[in-house]
Amino acid sequence: MKLKEIIEKLQLKVLAGQDKLDVEVTGGYTSDLLSDVIANSKEGNLWITLQTHQNIIAVAKLKDLSGIIIVNNREPDEDTLQKANEENVSLLGSEETAFEVSGKLHKLISS
């Protein structure tokens, strides 16, 4: 499923990386521990987290993730948004919890 379809269906807000919305999402990974995401996420996964600092962009780039969803209505700072745009990483926002977003994403991708 394309990232732009997921954005529409989950009513996500695009915060940065608007140029990369046509990528294919292969699955999802939910974690707030960067080392866990590095060790266990797969290329093309959509990462769900409440982290908002710049290091999330580096992890997404390293693992070639399809994007990052920041949950709980958290807002990344301007430096993180700028880094996401520079690195062409799609950064998305949701008011919902990680649990809610994970469940909805799983249902979308597995159907």
PDB file of N, CA and C in Angstrom:
ATOM      1  N   MET A   1       0.844  -1.173   0.000  1.00  0.00           N
ATOM      2  CA  MET A   1       0.000   0.000   0.000  1.00  0.00           C
ATOM      3  C   MET A   1       0.891   1.238   0.000  1.00  0.00           C
ATOM      4  N   LYS A   2       0.514   2.232  -0.752  1.00  0.00           N
ATOM      5  CA  LYS A   2       1.286   3.474  -0.843  1.00  0.00           C
ATOM      6  C   LYS A   2       1.101   4.318   0.425  1.00  0.00           C
ATOM      7  N   LEU A   3       2.151   5.034   0.779  1.00  0.00           N
ATOM      8  CA  LEU A   3       2.120   5.883   1.964  1.00  0.00           C
ATOM      9  C   LEU A   3       0.998   6.909   1.882  1.00  0.00           C
ATOM     10  N   LYS A   4       0.776   7.496   0.713  1.00  0.00           N
ATOM     11  CA  LYS A   4      -0.270   8.523   0.593  1.00  0.00           C
ATOM     12  C   LYS A   4      -1.660   7.951   0.871  1.00  0.00           C
ATOM     13  N   GLU A   5      -1.885   6.678   0.556  1.00  0.00           N
ATOM     14  CA  GLU A   5      -3.166   6.039   0.865  1.00  0.00           C
ATOM     15  C   GLU A   5      -3.339   5.875   2.373  1.00  0.00           C
ATOM     16  N   ILE A   6      -2.261   5.481   3.037  1.00  0.00           N
ATOM     17  CA  ILE A   6      -2.302   5.312   4.492  1.00  0.00           C
ATOM     18  C   ILE A   6      -2.553   6.653   5.172  1.00  0.00           C
ATOM     19  N   ILE A   7      -1.902   7.696   4.682  1.00  0.00           N
ATOM     20  CA  ILE A   7      -2.092   9.041   5.239  1.00  0.00           C
ATOM     21  C   ILE A   7      -3.564   9.433   5.170  1.00  0.00           C
ATOM     22  N   GLU A   8      -4.169   9.170   4.025  1.00  0.00           N
ATOM     23  CA  GLU A   8      -5.581   9.518   3.838  1.00  0.00           C
ATOM     24  C   GLU A   8      -6.491   8.694   4.752  1.00  0.00           C
ATOM     25  N   LYS A   9      -6.272   7.378   4.788  1.00  0.00           N
ATOM     26  CA  LYS A   9      -7.151   6.493   5.544  1.00  0.00           C
ATOM     27  C   LYS A   9      -7.005   6.645   7.052  1.00  0.00           C
ATOM     28  N   LEU A  10      -5.798   6.975   7.511  1.00  0.00           N
ATOM     29  CA  LEU A  10      -5.577   7.164   8.951  1.00  0.00           C
ATOM     30  C   LEU A  10      -5.681   8.631   9.370  1.00  0.00           C
ATOM     31  N   GLN A  11      -5.983   9.480   8.403  1.00  0.00           N
ATOM     32  CA  GLN A  11      -6.120  10.924   8.651  1.00  0.00           C
ATOM     33  C   GLN A  11      -4.894  11.487   9.358  1.00  0.00           C
ATOM     34  N   LEU A  12      -3.729  11.198   8.771  1.00  0.00           N
ATOM     35  CA  LEU A  12      -2.467  11.680   9.325  1.00  0.00           C
ATOM     36  C   LEU A  12      -2.144  13.055   8.771  1.00  0.00           C
ATOM     37  N   LYS A  13      -1.407  13.810   9.530  1.00  0.00           N
ATOM     38  CA  LYS A  13      -0.952  15.133   9.100  1.00  0.00           C
ATOM     39  C   LYS A  13       0.476  14.996   8.575  1.00  0.00           C
ATOM     40  N   VAL A  14       0.724  15.511   7.379  1.00  0.00           N
ATOM     41  CA  VAL A  14       2.072  15.482   6.815  1.00  0.00           C
ATOM     42  C   VAL A  14       2.847  16.662   7.392  1.00  0.00           C
ATOM     43  N   LEU A  15       3.904  16.363   8.135  1.00  0.00           N
ATOM     44  CA  LEU A  15       4.707  17.391   8.791  1.00  0.00           C
ATOM     45  C   LEU A  15       5.945  17.753   7.975  1.00  0.00           C
ATOM     46  N   ALA A  16       6.490  16.781   7.261  1.00  0.00           N
ATOM     47  CA  ALA A  16       7.702  16.989   6.459  1.00  0.00           C
ATOM     48  C   ALA A  16       7.840  15.832   5.472  1.00  0.00           C
ATOM     49  N   GLY A  17       8.687  16.027   4.469  1.00  0.00           N
ATOM     50  CA  GLY A  17       8.971  14.976   3.509  1.00  0.00           C
ATOM     51  C   GLY A  17       7.837  14.702   2.537  1.00  0.00           C
ATOM     52  N   GLN A  18       7.179  15.754   2.090  1.00  0.00           N
ATOM     53  CA  GLN A  18       6.036  15.616   1.191  1.00  0.00           C
ATOM     54  C   GLN A  18       6.389  14.979  -0.150  1.00  0.00           C
ATOM     55  N   ASP A  19       7.663  14.985  -0.526  1.00  0.00           N
ATOM     56  CA  ASP A  19       8.081  14.463  -1.824  1.00  0.00           C
ATOM     57  C   ASP A  19       8.186  12.939  -1.868  1.00  0.00           C
ATOM     58  N   LYS A  20       8.003  12.281  -0.744  1.00  0.00           N
ATOM     59  CA  LYS A  20       8.220  10.830  -0.689  1.00  0.00           C
ATOM     60  C   LYS A  20       6.937  10.066  -0.326  1.00  0.00           C
ATOM     61  N   LEU A  21       5.790  10.597  -0.714  1.00  0.00           N
ATOM     62  CA  LEU A  21       4.529   9.985  -0.315  1.00  0.00           C
ATOM     63  C   LEU A  21       4.078   8.852  -1.229  1.00  0.00           C
ATOM     64  N   ASP A  22       4.794   8.631  -2.333  1.00  0.00           N
ATOM     65  CA  ASP A  22       4.443   7.559  -3.259  1.00  0.00           C
ATOM     66  C   ASP A  22       5.152   6.248  -2.953  1.00  0.00           C
ATOM     67  N   VAL A  23       5.903   6.196  -1.857  1.00  0.00           N
ATOM     68  CA  VAL A  23       6.631   4.968  -1.528  1.00  0.00           C
ATOM     69  C   VAL A  23       5.677   3.877  -1.070  1.00  0.00           C
ATOM     70  N   GLU A  24       6.113   2.652  -1.263  1.00  0.00           N
ATOM     71  CA  GLU A  24       5.341   1.489  -0.836  1.00  0.00           C
ATOM     72  C   GLU A  24       5.662   1.189   0.631  1.00  0.00           C
ATOM     73  N   VAL A  25       4.630   0.992   1.427  1.00  0.00           N
ATOM     74  CA  VAL A  25       4.800   0.635   2.835  1.00  0.00           C
ATOM     75  C   VAL A  25       4.704  -0.881   2.936  1.00  0.00           C
ATOM     76  N   THR A  26       5.754  -1.494   3.483  1.00  0.00           N
ATOM     77  CA  THR A  26       5.820  -2.954   3.555  1.00  0.00           C
ATOM     78  C   THR A  26       5.280  -3.510   4.864  1.00  0.00           C
ATOM     79  N   GLY A  27       5.116  -2.658   5.860  1.00  0.00           N
ATOM     80  CA  GLY A  27       4.648  -3.079   7.174  1.00  0.00           C
ATOM     81  C   GLY A  27       4.817  -1.934   8.147  1.00  0.00           C
ATOM     82  N   GLY A  28       4.672  -2.229   9.403  1.00  0.00           N
ATOM     83  CA  GLY A  28       4.826  -1.193  10.422  1.00  0.00           C
ATOM     84  C   GLY A  28       5.714  -1.682  11.549  1.00  0.00           C
ATOM     85  N   TYR A  29       6.259  -0.735  12.285  1.00  0.00           N
ATOM     86  CA  TYR A  29       7.044  -1.068  13.465  1.00  0.00           C
ATOM     87  C   TYR A  29       6.794  -0.003  14.516  1.00  0.00           C
ATOM     88  N   THR A  30       6.433  -0.419  15.724  1.00  0.00           N
ATOM     89  CA  THR A  30       6.125   0.508  16.799  1.00  0.00           C
ATOM     90  C   THR A  30       7.144   0.353  17.910  1.00  0.00           C
ATOM     91  N   SER A  31       7.862   1.436  18.205  1.00  0.00           N
ATOM     92  CA  SER A  31       8.830   1.431  19.294  1.00  0.00           C
ATOM     93  C   SER A  31       9.299   2.857  19.547  1.00  0.00           C
ATOM     94  N   ASP A  32       9.670   3.113  20.797  1.00  0.00           N
ATOM     95  CA  ASP A  32      10.242   4.407  21.153  1.00  0.00           C
ATOM     96  C   ASP A  32      11.732   4.293  21.471  1.00  0.00           C
ATOM     97  N   LEU A  33      12.261   3.099  21.344  1.00  0.00           N
ATOM     98  CA  LEU A  33      13.663   2.855  21.627  1.00  0.00           C
ATOM     99  C   LEU A  33      14.422   2.761  20.304  1.00  0.00           C
ATOM    100  N   LEU A  34      15.297   3.728  20.048  1.00  0.00           N
ATOM    101  CA  LEU A  34      15.984   3.803  18.765  1.00  0.00           C
ATOM    102  C   LEU A  34      16.763   2.536  18.446  1.00  0.00           C
ATOM    103  N   SER A  35      17.460   1.989  19.428  1.00  0.00           N
ATOM    104  CA  SER A  35      18.252   0.779  19.189  1.00  0.00           C
ATOM    105  C   SER A  35      17.356  -0.399  18.808  1.00  0.00           C
ATOM    106  N   ASP A  36      16.153  -0.445  19.342  1.00  0.00           N
ATOM    107  CA  ASP A  36      15.202  -1.495  18.998  1.00  0.00           C
ATOM    108  C   ASP A  36      14.759  -1.353  17.536  1.00  0.00           C
ATOM    109  N   VAL A  37      14.495  -0.135  17.105  1.00  0.00           N
ATOM    110  CA  VAL A  37      14.089   0.115  15.720  1.00  0.00           C
ATOM    111  C   VAL A  37      15.232  -0.263  14.774  1.00  0.00           C
ATOM    112  N   ILE A  38      16.444   0.105  15.131  1.00  0.00           N
ATOM    113  CA  ILE A  38      17.608  -0.236  14.307  1.00  0.00           C
ATOM    114  C   ILE A  38      17.754  -1.761  14.203  1.00  0.00           C
ATOM    115  N   ALA A  39      17.566  -2.451  15.292  1.00  0.00           N
ATOM    116  CA  ALA A  39      17.769  -3.896  15.310  1.00  0.00           C
ATOM    117  C   ALA A  39      16.634  -4.685  14.648  1.00  0.00           C
ATOM    118  N   ASN A  40      15.406  -4.179  14.706  1.00  0.00           N
ATOM    119  CA  ASN A  40      14.271  -5.021  14.338  1.00  0.00           C
ATOM    120  C   ASN A  40      13.354  -4.529  13.219  1.00  0.00           C
ATOM    121  N   SER A  41      13.395  -3.252  12.872  1.00  0.00           N
ATOM    122  CA  SER A  41      12.521  -2.791  11.795  1.00  0.00           C
ATOM    123  C   SER A  41      13.063  -3.279  10.457  1.00  0.00           C
ATOM    124  N   LYS A  42      12.186  -3.296   9.478  1.00  0.00           N
ATOM    125  CA  LYS A  42      12.559  -3.764   8.144  1.00  0.00           C
ATOM    126  C   LYS A  42      12.440  -2.616   7.140  1.00  0.00           C
ATOM    127  N   GLU A  43      13.205  -2.703   6.078  1.00  0.00           N
ATOM    128  CA  GLU A  43      13.147  -1.719   5.008  1.00  0.00           C
ATOM    129  C   GLU A  43      11.699  -1.565   4.538  1.00  0.00           C
ATOM    130  N   GLY A  44      11.258  -0.334   4.392  1.00  0.00           N
ATOM    131  CA  GLY A  44       9.901  -0.057   3.932  1.00  0.00           C
ATOM    132  C   GLY A  44       8.864   0.029   5.031  1.00  0.00           C
ATOM    133  N   ASN A  45       9.249  -0.301   6.277  1.00  0.00           N
ATOM    134  CA  ASN A  45       8.305  -0.186   7.389  1.00  0.00           C
ATOM    135  C   ASN A  45       7.956   1.266   7.657  1.00  0.00           C
ATOM    136  N   LEU A  46       6.780   1.468   8.193  1.00  0.00           N
ATOM    137  CA  LEU A  46       6.340   2.770   8.676  1.00  0.00           C
ATOM    138  C   LEU A  46       6.493   2.728  10.186  1.00  0.00           C
ATOM    139  N   TRP A  47       7.331   3.603  10.724  1.00  0.00           N
ATOM    140  CA  TRP A  47       7.691   3.586  12.146  1.00  0.00           C
ATOM    141  C   TRP A  47       6.716   4.451  12.931  1.00  0.00           C
ATOM    142  N   ILE A  48       6.176   3.901  14.005  1.00  0.00           N
ATOM    143  CA  ILE A  48       5.254   4.604  14.894  1.00  0.00           C
ATOM    144  C   ILE A  48       5.975   4.855  16.212  1.00  0.00           C
ATOM    145  N   THR A  49       6.031   6.135  16.628  1.00  0.00           N
ATOM    146  CA  THR A  49       6.777   6.502  17.833  1.00  0.00           C
ATOM    147  C   THR A  49       6.233   7.788  18.437  1.00  0.00           C
ATOM    148  N   LEU A  50       6.623   8.047  19.676  1.00  0.00           N
ATOM    149  CA  LEU A  50       6.323   9.351  20.273  1.00  0.00           C
ATOM    150  C   LEU A  50       7.567  10.234  20.345  1.00  0.00           C
ATOM    151  N   GLN A  51       8.700   9.722  19.883  1.00  0.00           N
ATOM    152  CA  GLN A  51       9.942  10.494  19.848  1.00  0.00           C
ATOM    153  C   GLN A  51       9.829  11.620  18.814  1.00  0.00           C
ATOM    154  N   THR A  52      10.434  12.763  19.118  1.00  0.00           N
ATOM    155  CA  THR A  52      10.327  13.917  18.208  1.00  0.00           C
ATOM    156  C   THR A  52      11.682  14.549  17.875  1.00  0.00           C
ATOM    157  N   HIS A  53      12.769  14.013  18.393  1.00  0.00           N
ATOM    158  CA  HIS A  53      14.084  14.628  18.202  1.00  0.00           C
ATOM    159  C   HIS A  53      14.701  14.226  16.860  1.00  0.00           C
ATOM    160  N   GLN A  54      15.773  14.889  16.475  1.00  0.00           N
ATOM    161  CA  GLN A  54      16.413  14.679  15.182  1.00  0.00           C
ATOM    162  C   GLN A  54      16.925  13.262  14.941  1.00  0.00           C
ATOM    163  N   ASN A  55      17.268  12.545  15.992  1.00  0.00           N
ATOM    164  CA  ASN A  55      17.826  11.209  15.818  1.00  0.00           C
ATOM    165  C   ASN A  55      16.858  10.245  15.136  1.00  0.00           C
ATOM    166  N   ILE A  56      15.553  10.505  15.225  1.00  0.00           N
ATOM    167  CA  ILE A  56      14.597   9.620  14.557  1.00  0.00           C
ATOM    168  C   ILE A  56      14.769   9.678  13.038  1.00  0.00           C
ATOM    169  N   ILE A  57      15.184  10.828  12.530  1.00  0.00           N
ATOM    170  CA  ILE A  57      15.396  10.981  11.091  1.00  0.00           C
ATOM    171  C   ILE A  57      16.589  10.123  10.656  1.00  0.00           C
ATOM    172  N   ALA A  58      17.643  10.147  11.450  1.00  0.00           N
ATOM    173  CA  ALA A  58      18.833   9.347  11.138  1.00  0.00           C
ATOM    174  C   ALA A  58      18.508   7.858  11.136  1.00  0.00           C
ATOM    175  N   VAL A  59      17.703   7.411  12.089  1.00  0.00           N
ATOM    176  CA  VAL A  59      17.329   5.993  12.158  1.00  0.00           C
ATOM    177  C   VAL A  59      16.473   5.616  10.950  1.00  0.00           C
ATOM    178  N   ALA A  60      15.515   6.452  10.600  1.00  0.00           N
ATOM    179  CA  ALA A  60      14.653   6.176   9.441  1.00  0.00           C
ATOM    180  C   ALA A  60      15.461   6.100   8.158  1.00  0.00           C
ATOM    181  N   LYS A  61      16.436   6.968   8.033  1.00  0.00           N
ATOM    182  CA  LYS A  61      17.297   6.974   6.848  1.00  0.00           C
ATOM    183  C   LYS A  61      18.187   5.721   6.822  1.00  0.00           C
ATOM    184  N   LEU A  62      18.773   5.390   7.966  1.00  0.00           N
ATOM    185  CA  LEU A  62      19.646   4.220   8.084  1.00  0.00           C
ATOM    186  C   LEU A  62      18.916   2.936   7.687  1.00  0.00           C
ATOM    187  N   LYS A  63      17.678   2.788   8.126  1.00  0.00           N
ATOM    188  CA  LYS A  63      16.909   1.576   7.892  1.00  0.00           C
ATOM    189  C   LYS A  63      16.050   1.639   6.624  1.00  0.00           C
ATOM    190  N   ASP A  64      16.099   2.758   5.915  1.00  0.00           N
ATOM    191  CA  ASP A  64      15.303   2.967   4.703  1.00  0.00           C
ATOM    192  C   ASP A  64      13.819   2.706   4.966  1.00  0.00           C
ATOM    193  N   LEU A  65      13.319   3.348   6.016  1.00  0.00           N
ATOM    194  CA  LEU A  65      11.911   3.226   6.379  1.00  0.00           C
ATOM    195  C   LEU A  65      11.060   4.085   5.449  1.00  0.00           C
ATOM    196  N   SER A  66       9.800   3.732   5.304  1.00  0.00           N
ATOM    197  CA  SER A  66       8.908   4.494   4.417  1.00  0.00           C
ATOM    198  C   SER A  66       8.468   5.807   5.041  1.00  0.00           C
ATOM    199  N   GLY A  67       8.607   5.942   6.342  1.00  0.00           N
ATOM    200  CA  GLY A  67       8.246   7.179   7.024  1.00  0.00           C
ATOM    201  C   GLY A  67       8.136   6.959   8.519  1.00  0.00           C
ATOM    202  N   ILE A  68       7.786   8.046   9.208  1.00  0.00           N
ATOM    203  CA  ILE A  68       7.641   8.025  10.668  1.00  0.00           C
ATOM    204  C   ILE A  68       6.308   8.663  11.023  1.00  0.00           C
ATOM    205  N   ILE A  69       5.544   8.008  11.889  1.00  0.00           N
ATOM    206  CA  ILE A  69       4.331   8.603  12.445  1.00  0.00           C
ATOM    207  C   ILE A  69       4.620   8.962  13.895  1.00  0.00           C
ATOM    208  N   ILE A  70       4.488  10.233  14.210  1.00  0.00           N
ATOM    209  CA  ILE A  70       4.632  10.700  15.591  1.00  0.00           C
ATOM    210  C   ILE A  70       3.234  10.776  16.200  1.00  0.00           C
ATOM    211  N   VAL A  71       3.040  10.072  17.299  1.00  0.00           N
ATOM    212  CA  VAL A  71       1.710   9.933  17.901  1.00  0.00           C
ATOM    213  C   VAL A  71       1.498  10.889  19.078  1.00  0.00           C
ATOM    214  N   ASN A  72       0.314  10.797  19.667  1.00  0.00           N
ATOM    215  CA  ASN A  72      -0.070  11.566  20.865  1.00  0.00           C
ATOM    216  C   ASN A  72      -0.041  13.066  20.638  1.00  0.00           C
ATOM    217  N   ASN A  73      -0.230  13.469  19.387  1.00  0.00           N
ATOM    218  CA  ASN A  73      -0.267  14.896  19.033  1.00  0.00           C
ATOM    219  C   ASN A  73       1.015  15.638  19.400  1.00  0.00           C
ATOM    220  N   ARG A  74       2.123  14.911  19.461  1.00  0.00           N
ATOM    221  CA  ARG A  74       3.417  15.543  19.751  1.00  0.00           C
ATOM    222  C   ARG A  74       3.914  16.268  18.515  1.00  0.00           C
ATOM    223  N   GLU A  75       4.609  17.352  18.728  1.00  0.00           N
ATOM    224  CA  GLU A  75       5.123  18.178  17.639  1.00  0.00           C
ATOM    225  C   GLU A  75       6.651  18.172  17.644  1.00  0.00           C
ATOM    226  N   PRO A  76       7.267  17.802  16.527  1.00  0.00           N
ATOM    227  CA  PRO A  76       8.725  17.880  16.455  1.00  0.00           C
ATOM    228  C   PRO A  76       9.170  19.336  16.379  1.00  0.00           C
ATOM    229  N   ASP A  77      10.389  19.604  16.840  1.00  0.00           N
ATOM    230  CA  ASP A  77      10.888  20.976  16.763  1.00  0.00           C
ATOM    231  C   ASP A  77      11.309  21.303  15.333  1.00  0.00           C
ATOM    232  N   GLU A  78      11.598  22.549  15.108  1.00  0.00           N
ATOM    233  CA  GLU A  78      11.921  23.031  13.762  1.00  0.00           C
ATOM    234  C   GLU A  78      13.158  22.343  13.185  1.00  0.00           C
ATOM    235  N   ASP A  79      14.146  22.048  14.026  1.00  0.00           N
ATOM    236  CA  ASP A  79      15.357  21.359  13.556  1.00  0.00           C
ATOM    237  C   ASP A  79      15.043  19.960  13.023  1.00  0.00           C
ATOM    238  N   THR A  80      14.139  19.255  13.692  1.00  0.00           N
ATOM    239  CA  THR A  80      13.748  17.922  13.251  1.00  0.00           C
ATOM    240  C   THR A  80      13.003  17.996  11.921  1.00  0.00           C
ATOM    241  N   LEU A  81      12.113  18.959  11.791  1.00  0.00           N
ATOM    242  CA  LEU A  81      11.378  19.136  10.530  1.00  0.00           C
ATOM    243  C   LEU A  81      12.329  19.463   9.385  1.00  0.00           C
ATOM    244  N   GLN A  82      13.274  20.331   9.657  1.00  0.00           N
ATOM    245  CA  GLN A  82      14.255  20.715   8.641  1.00  0.00           C
ATOM    246  C   GLN A  82      15.097  19.507   8.221  1.00  0.00           C
ATOM    247  N   LYS A  83      15.542  18.722   9.195  1.00  0.00           N
ATOM    248  CA  LYS A  83      16.345  17.530   8.913  1.00  0.00           C
ATOM    249  C   LYS A  83      15.540  16.511   8.097  1.00  0.00           C
ATOM    250  N   ALA A  84      14.279  16.344   8.417  1.00  0.00           N
ATOM    251  CA  ALA A  84      13.418  15.421   7.673  1.00  0.00           C
ATOM    252  C   ALA A  84      13.305  15.854   6.214  1.00  0.00           C
ATOM    253  N   ASN A  85      13.133  17.134   5.988  1.00  0.00           N
ATOM    254  CA  ASN A  85      13.041  17.636   4.621  1.00  0.00           C
ATOM    255  C   ASN A  85      14.366  17.497   3.879  1.00  0.00           C
ATOM    256  N   GLU A  86      15.467  17.776   4.561  1.00  0.00           N
ATOM    257  CA  GLU A  86      16.798  17.637   3.945  1.00  0.00           C
ATOM    258  C   GLU A  86      17.083  16.193   3.554  1.00  0.00           C
ATOM    259  N   GLU A  87      16.689  15.251   4.407  1.00  0.00           N
ATOM    260  CA  GLU A  87      16.968  13.831   4.190  1.00  0.00           C
ATOM    261  C   GLU A  87      15.857  13.126   3.404  1.00  0.00           C
ATOM    262  N   ASN A  88      14.801  13.883   3.074  1.00  0.00           N
ATOM    263  CA  ASN A  88      13.647  13.353   2.336  1.00  0.00           C
ATOM    264  C   ASN A  88      12.999  12.175   3.070  1.00  0.00           C
ATOM    265  N   VAL A  89      12.742  12.384   4.363  1.00  0.00           N
ATOM    266  CA  VAL A  89      12.058  11.401   5.201  1.00  0.00           C
ATOM    267  C   VAL A  89      10.667  11.935   5.501  1.00  0.00           C
ATOM    268  N   SER A  90       9.642  11.148   5.194  1.00  0.00           N
ATOM    269  CA  SER A  90       8.264  11.564   5.471  1.00  0.00           C
ATOM    270  C   SER A  90       8.002  11.482   6.965  1.00  0.00           C
ATOM    271  N   LEU A  91       7.600  12.611   7.518  1.00  0.00           N
ATOM    272  CA  LEU A  91       7.298  12.725   8.933  1.00  0.00           C
ATOM    273  C   LEU A  91       5.819  13.064   9.041  1.00  0.00           C
ATOM    274  N   LEU A  92       5.083  12.218   9.756  1.00  0.00           N
ATOM    275  CA  LEU A  92       3.636  12.345   9.841  1.00  0.00           C
ATOM    276  C   LEU A  92       3.205  12.489  11.288  1.00  0.00           C
ATOM    277  N   GLY A  93       2.050  13.070  11.503  1.00  0.00           N
ATOM    278  CA  GLY A  93       1.555  13.259  12.857  1.00  0.00           C
ATOM    279  C   GLY A  93       0.163  12.683  13.041  1.00  0.00           C
ATOM    280  N   SER A  94      -0.104  12.217  14.270  1.00  0.00           N
ATOM    281  CA  SER A  94      -1.421  11.703  14.634  1.00  0.00           C
ATOM    282  C   SER A  94      -1.764  12.134  16.046  1.00  0.00           C
ATOM    283  N   GLU A  95      -3.045  12.379  16.277  1.00  0.00           N
ATOM    284  CA  GLU A  95      -3.519  12.694  17.625  1.00  0.00           C
ATOM    285  C   GLU A  95      -3.696  11.425  18.449  1.00  0.00           C
ATOM    286  N   GLU A  96      -3.767  10.282  17.774  1.00  0.00           N
ATOM    287  CA  GLU A  96      -4.054   9.028  18.446  1.00  0.00           C
ATOM    288  C   GLU A  96      -2.816   8.456  19.141  1.00  0.00           C
ATOM    289  N   THR A  97      -3.041   7.443  19.965  1.00  0.00           N
ATOM    290  CA  THR A  97      -1.944   6.770  20.660  1.00  0.00           C
ATOM    291  C   THR A  97      -1.240   5.803  19.712  1.00  0.00           C
ATOM    292  N   ALA A  98      -0.065   5.352  20.112  1.00  0.00           N
ATOM    293  CA  ALA A  98       0.677   4.365  19.326  1.00  0.00           C
ATOM    294  C   ALA A  98      -0.140   3.083  19.177  1.00  0.00           C
ATOM    295  N   PHE A  99      -0.833   2.701  20.215  1.00  0.00           N
ATOM    296  CA  PHE A  99      -1.661   1.498  20.181  1.00  0.00           C
ATOM    297  C   PHE A  99      -2.751   1.619  19.116  1.00  0.00           C
ATOM    298  N   GLU A 100      -3.446   2.740  19.107  1.00  0.00           N
ATOM    299  CA  GLU A 100      -4.527   2.944  18.139  1.00  0.00           C
ATOM    300  C   GLU A 100      -4.003   2.971  16.707  1.00  0.00           C
ATOM    301  N   VAL A 101      -2.936   3.717  16.481  1.00  0.00           N
ATOM    302  CA  VAL A 101      -2.365   3.830  15.136  1.00  0.00           C
ATOM    303  C   VAL A 101      -1.826   2.475  14.669  1.00  0.00           C
ATOM    304  N   SER A 102      -1.168   1.753  15.550  1.00  0.00           N
ATOM    305  CA  SER A 102      -0.620   0.440  15.196  1.00  0.00           C
ATOM    306  C   SER A 102      -1.724  -0.517  14.766  1.00  0.00           C
ATOM    307  N   GLY A 103      -2.799  -0.545  15.514  1.00  0.00           N
ATOM    308  CA  GLY A 103      -3.918  -1.427  15.182  1.00  0.00           C
ATOM    309  C   GLY A 103      -4.533  -1.083  13.842  1.00  0.00           C
ATOM    310  N   LYS A 104      -4.745   0.188  13.608  1.00  0.00           N
ATOM    311  CA  LYS A 104      -5.342   0.627  12.339  1.00  0.00           C
ATOM    312  C   LYS A 104      -4.415   0.345  11.162  1.00  0.00           C
ATOM    313  N   LEU A 105      -3.116   0.588  11.345  1.00  0.00           N
ATOM    314  CA  LEU A 105      -2.150   0.331  10.282  1.00  0.00           C
ATOM    315  C   LEU A 105      -2.094  -1.167   9.977  1.00  0.00           C
ATOM    316  N   HIS A 106      -2.069  -1.995  11.000  1.00  0.00           N
ATOM    317  CA  HIS A 106      -2.037  -3.435  10.803  1.00  0.00           C
ATOM    318  C   HIS A 106      -3.263  -3.892  10.012  1.00  0.00           C
ATOM    319  N   LYS A 107      -4.415  -3.388  10.362  1.00  0.00           N
ATOM    320  CA  LYS A 107      -5.649  -3.768   9.672  1.00  0.00           C
ATOM    321  C   LYS A 107      -5.592  -3.348   8.194  1.00  0.00           C
ATOM    322  N   LEU A 108      -5.090  -2.156   7.927  1.00  0.00           N
ATOM    323  CA  LEU A 108      -4.986  -1.672   6.536  1.00  0.00           C
ATOM    324  C   LEU A 108      -4.042  -2.531   5.695  1.00  0.00           C
ATOM    325  N   ILE A 109      -2.873  -2.803   6.247  1.00  0.00           N
ATOM    326  CA  ILE A 109      -1.841  -3.493   5.480  1.00  0.00           C
ATOM    327  C   ILE A 109      -2.156  -4.982   5.320  1.00  0.00           C
ATOM    328  N   SER A 110      -2.775  -5.585   6.309  1.00  0.00           N
ATOM    329  CA  SER A 110      -3.030  -7.023   6.233  1.00  0.00           C
ATOM    330  C   SER A 110      -4.330  -7.378   5.523  1.00  0.00           C
ATOM    331  N   SER A 111      -5.104  -6.383   5.128  1.00  0.00           N
ATOM    332  CA  SER A 111      -6.375  -6.704   4.450  1.00  0.00           C
ATOM    333  C   SER A 111      -6.218  -6.748   2.953  1.00  0.00           C
TER     334      SER A 111
END
